[in-house]
């Protein structure tokens, strides 16, 4: 569920943050579900526990997770803000792609044909 690429230029703690967010958005992690323990995940991923703790601290600062001393970190019950932010980011990226397509000469009809045929 939580993965990292040790060869990536993206810092490991950021990869963990993104991986947890993705797991929440995809439904792999639900509200009040416990995240893997820091030490266990550190062994599993073969990375320093402080790196995982840093990621969990960032997630907590963003109100995506909460911690209970002695018990661990859990997914917040209200992940609506995370979903809203993800939705807004996707809309922004889609608008950018549409602008690029328009500049490249792709017609509105071609775009609508693709959108209307998507998922069929």
C-alpha atoms as a PDB file:
ATOM      1  CA  UNK A   1       0.000   0.000   0.000  1.00  0.00           C
ATOM      2  CA  UNK A   2       2.801   2.459   0.858  1.00  0.00           C
ATOM      3  CA  UNK A   3       5.637   2.345  -1.625  1.00  0.00           C
ATOM      4  CA  UNK A   4       8.789   4.320  -2.309  1.00  0.00           C
ATOM      5  CA  UNK A   5      11.270   4.458  -5.155  1.00  0.00           C
ATOM      6  CA  UNK A   6      14.747   4.773  -3.690  1.00  0.00           C
ATOM      7  CA  UNK A   7      16.094   5.886  -7.084  1.00  0.00           C
ATOM      8  CA  UNK A   8      13.609   8.737  -7.433  1.00  0.00           C
ATOM      9  CA  UNK A   9      14.694  12.349  -7.044  1.00  0.00           C
ATOM     10  CA  UNK A  10      11.561  12.961  -4.958  1.00  0.00           C
ATOM     11  CA  UNK A  11      12.431  12.823  -1.249  1.00  0.00           C
ATOM     12  CA  UNK A  12      11.311   9.595   0.398  1.00  0.00           C
ATOM     13  CA  UNK A  13       9.147  11.353   2.982  1.00  0.00           C
ATOM     14  CA  UNK A  14       7.252  13.115   0.152  1.00  0.00           C
ATOM     15  CA  UNK A  15       6.766   9.772  -1.593  1.00  0.00           C
ATOM     16  CA  UNK A  16       5.285   8.357   1.609  1.00  0.00           C
ATOM     17  CA  UNK A  17       2.955  11.357   1.998  1.00  0.00           C
ATOM     18  CA  UNK A  18       1.802  10.970  -1.615  1.00  0.00           C
ATOM     19  CA  UNK A  19       1.413   7.210  -1.232  1.00  0.00           C
ATOM     20  CA  UNK A  20      -0.789   7.583   1.855  1.00  0.00           C
ATOM     21  CA  UNK A  21      -2.888  10.262   0.137  1.00  0.00           C
ATOM     22  CA  UNK A  22      -3.327   8.004  -2.900  1.00  0.00           C
ATOM     23  CA  UNK A  23      -4.332   5.080  -0.693  1.00  0.00           C
ATOM     24  CA  UNK A  24      -6.965   7.255   0.983  1.00  0.00           C
ATOM     25  CA  UNK A  25      -8.307   8.653  -2.291  1.00  0.00           C
ATOM     26  CA  UNK A  26      -8.526   5.186  -3.835  1.00  0.00           C
ATOM     27  CA  UNK A  27     -10.304   3.763  -0.805  1.00  0.00           C
ATOM     28  CA  UNK A  28      -7.478   1.443   0.287  1.00  0.00           C
ATOM     29  CA  UNK A  29      -7.349   3.359   3.553  1.00  0.00           C
ATOM     30  CA  UNK A  30     -10.648   4.365   5.100  1.00  0.00           C
ATOM     31  CA  UNK A  31     -11.618   6.765   7.875  1.00  0.00           C
ATOM     32  CA  UNK A  32     -10.179   5.875  11.282  1.00  0.00           C
ATOM     33  CA  UNK A  33      -8.080   3.090   9.756  1.00  0.00           C
ATOM     34  CA  UNK A  34      -4.642   2.717  11.291  1.00  0.00           C
ATOM     35  CA  UNK A  35      -1.533   3.456   9.250  1.00  0.00           C
ATOM     36  CA  UNK A  36       1.351   0.979   9.433  1.00  0.00           C
ATOM     37  CA  UNK A  37       3.483   1.434  12.542  1.00  0.00           C
ATOM     38  CA  UNK A  38       6.573   3.571  11.959  1.00  0.00           C
ATOM     39  CA  UNK A  39       9.068   0.867  12.946  1.00  0.00           C
ATOM     40  CA  UNK A  40       7.300  -1.873  11.001  1.00  0.00           C
ATOM     41  CA  UNK A  41       7.106   0.262   7.854  1.00  0.00           C
ATOM     42  CA  UNK A  42      10.752   1.302   8.260  1.00  0.00           C
ATOM     43  CA  UNK A  43      11.799  -2.352   8.258  1.00  0.00           C
ATOM     44  CA  UNK A  44       9.460  -3.163   5.369  1.00  0.00           C
ATOM     45  CA  UNK A  45      10.769  -0.310   3.204  1.00  0.00           C
ATOM     46  CA  UNK A  46      14.348  -0.500   4.517  1.00  0.00           C
ATOM     47  CA  UNK A  47      14.450   3.193   5.384  1.00  0.00           C
ATOM     48  CA  UNK A  48      15.090   5.264   8.486  1.00  0.00           C
ATOM     49  CA  UNK A  49      12.121   5.425  10.907  1.00  0.00           C
ATOM     50  CA  UNK A  50      12.663   9.187  11.235  1.00  0.00           C
ATOM     51  CA  UNK A  51      11.803   9.561   7.538  1.00  0.00           C
ATOM     52  CA  UNK A  52       8.480   7.819   8.064  1.00  0.00           C
ATOM     53  CA  UNK A  53       7.800   9.837  11.201  1.00  0.00           C
ATOM     54  CA  UNK A  54       8.453  13.031   9.219  1.00  0.00           C
ATOM     55  CA  UNK A  55       5.899  11.944   6.595  1.00  0.00           C
ATOM     56  CA  UNK A  56       3.330  11.086   9.265  1.00  0.00           C
ATOM     57  CA  UNK A  57       3.926  14.453  10.950  1.00  0.00           C
ATOM     58  CA  UNK A  58       3.305  16.253   7.651  1.00  0.00           C
ATOM     59  CA  UNK A  59       0.111  14.260   7.112  1.00  0.00           C
ATOM     60  CA  UNK A  60      -1.028  15.147  10.619  1.00  0.00           C
ATOM     61  CA  UNK A  61      -0.264  18.847  10.059  1.00  0.00           C
ATOM     62  CA  UNK A  62      -2.465  18.655   6.951  1.00  0.00           C
ATOM     63  CA  UNK A  63      -5.257  17.042   9.046  1.00  0.00           C
ATOM     64  CA  UNK A  64      -5.173  13.940   6.861  1.00  0.00           C
ATOM     65  CA  UNK A  65      -4.240  11.701   9.777  1.00  0.00           C
ATOM     66  CA  UNK A  66      -4.363  11.978  13.541  1.00  0.00           C
ATOM     67  CA  UNK A  67      -2.254  10.232  16.125  1.00  0.00           C
ATOM     68  CA  UNK A  68      -3.079   8.634  19.428  1.00  0.00           C
ATOM     69  CA  UNK A  69      -0.058   8.434  21.725  1.00  0.00           C
ATOM     70  CA  UNK A  70       0.952   4.836  22.255  1.00  0.00           C
ATOM     71  CA  UNK A  71      -1.457   3.550  19.594  1.00  0.00           C
ATOM     72  CA  UNK A  72      -0.299   5.028  16.299  1.00  0.00           C
ATOM     73  CA  UNK A  73      -1.555   7.137  13.418  1.00  0.00           C
ATOM     74  CA  UNK A  74      -5.025   6.882  11.910  1.00  0.00           C
ATOM     75  CA  UNK A  75      -6.785   8.270   8.841  1.00  0.00           C
ATOM     76  CA  UNK A  76      -8.952  11.266   9.721  1.00  0.00           C
ATOM     77  CA  UNK A  77     -12.676  10.727   9.462  1.00  0.00           C
ATOM     78  CA  UNK A  78     -13.039  13.864   7.354  1.00  0.00           C
ATOM     79  CA  UNK A  79     -10.956  13.400   4.227  1.00  0.00           C
ATOM     80  CA  UNK A  80     -13.254  15.638   2.196  1.00  0.00           C
ATOM     81  CA  UNK A  81     -10.667  18.414   2.064  1.00  0.00           C
ATOM     82  CA  UNK A  82      -8.141  15.978   0.596  1.00  0.00           C
ATOM     83  CA  UNK A  83     -10.638  14.838  -2.035  1.00  0.00           C
ATOM     84  CA  UNK A  84     -11.575  18.459  -2.817  1.00  0.00           C
ATOM     85  CA  UNK A  85      -7.916  19.459  -3.229  1.00  0.00           C
ATOM     86  CA  UNK A  86      -7.298  16.447  -5.462  1.00  0.00           C
ATOM     87  CA  UNK A  87     -10.381  17.289  -7.520  1.00  0.00           C
ATOM     88  CA  UNK A  88      -9.252  20.916  -7.940  1.00  0.00           C
ATOM     89  CA  UNK A  89      -5.772  19.777  -8.979  1.00  0.00           C
ATOM     90  CA  UNK A  90      -7.208  17.412 -11.591  1.00  0.00           C
ATOM     91  CA  UNK A  91      -9.477  20.150 -12.971  1.00  0.00           C
ATOM     92  CA  UNK A  92      -6.494  22.497 -13.238  1.00  0.00           C
ATOM     93  CA  UNK A  93      -4.398  19.851 -15.005  1.00  0.00           C
ATOM     94  CA  UNK A  94      -7.269  19.059 -17.371  1.00  0.00           C
ATOM     95  CA  UNK A  95      -7.674  22.747 -18.248  1.00  0.00           C
ATOM     96  CA  UNK A  96      -3.940  22.943 -18.974  1.00  0.00           C
ATOM     97  CA  UNK A  97      -4.177  19.896 -21.243  1.00  0.00           C
ATOM     98  CA  UNK A  98      -7.152  21.414 -23.038  1.00  0.00           C
ATOM     99  CA  UNK A  99      -5.216  24.655 -23.556  1.00  0.00           C
ATOM    100  CA  UNK A 100      -2.279  22.658 -24.949  1.00  0.00           C
ATOM    101  CA  UNK A 101      -4.614  20.700 -27.230  1.00  0.00           C
ATOM    102  CA  UNK A 102      -6.202  23.921 -28.515  1.00  0.00           C
ATOM    103  CA  UNK A 103      -2.771  25.455 -29.223  1.00  0.00           C
ATOM    104  CA  UNK A 104      -1.799  22.251 -31.039  1.00  0.00           C
ATOM    105  CA  UNK A 105      -4.771  22.563 -33.370  1.00  0.00           C
ATOM    106  CA  UNK A 106      -6.989  19.875 -31.900  1.00  0.00           C
ATOM    107  CA  UNK A 107     -10.582  20.943 -32.459  1.00  0.00           C
ATOM    108  CA  UNK A 108     -13.259  21.181 -29.806  1.00  0.00           C
ATOM    109  CA  UNK A 109     -15.205  18.513 -31.700  1.00  0.00           C
ATOM    110  CA  UNK A 110     -12.235  16.098 -31.521  1.00  0.00           C
ATOM    111  CA  UNK A 111     -11.896  16.712 -27.794  1.00  0.00           C
ATOM    112  CA  UNK A 112     -15.631  16.210 -27.215  1.00  0.00           C
ATOM    113  CA  UNK A 113     -15.563  13.014 -29.299  1.00  0.00           C
ATOM    114  CA  UNK A 114     -12.790  11.691 -27.058  1.00  0.00           C
ATOM    115  CA  UNK A 115     -14.605  12.713 -23.876  1.00  0.00           C
ATOM    116  CA  UNK A 116     -17.948  11.328 -25.052  1.00  0.00           C
ATOM    117  CA  UNK A 117     -16.337   8.037 -26.114  1.00  0.00           C
ATOM    118  CA  UNK A 118     -14.276   7.666 -22.955  1.00  0.00           C
ATOM    119  CA  UNK A 119     -15.139   4.611 -20.916  1.00  0.00           C
ATOM    120  CA  UNK A 120     -17.246   2.929 -23.580  1.00  0.00           C
END
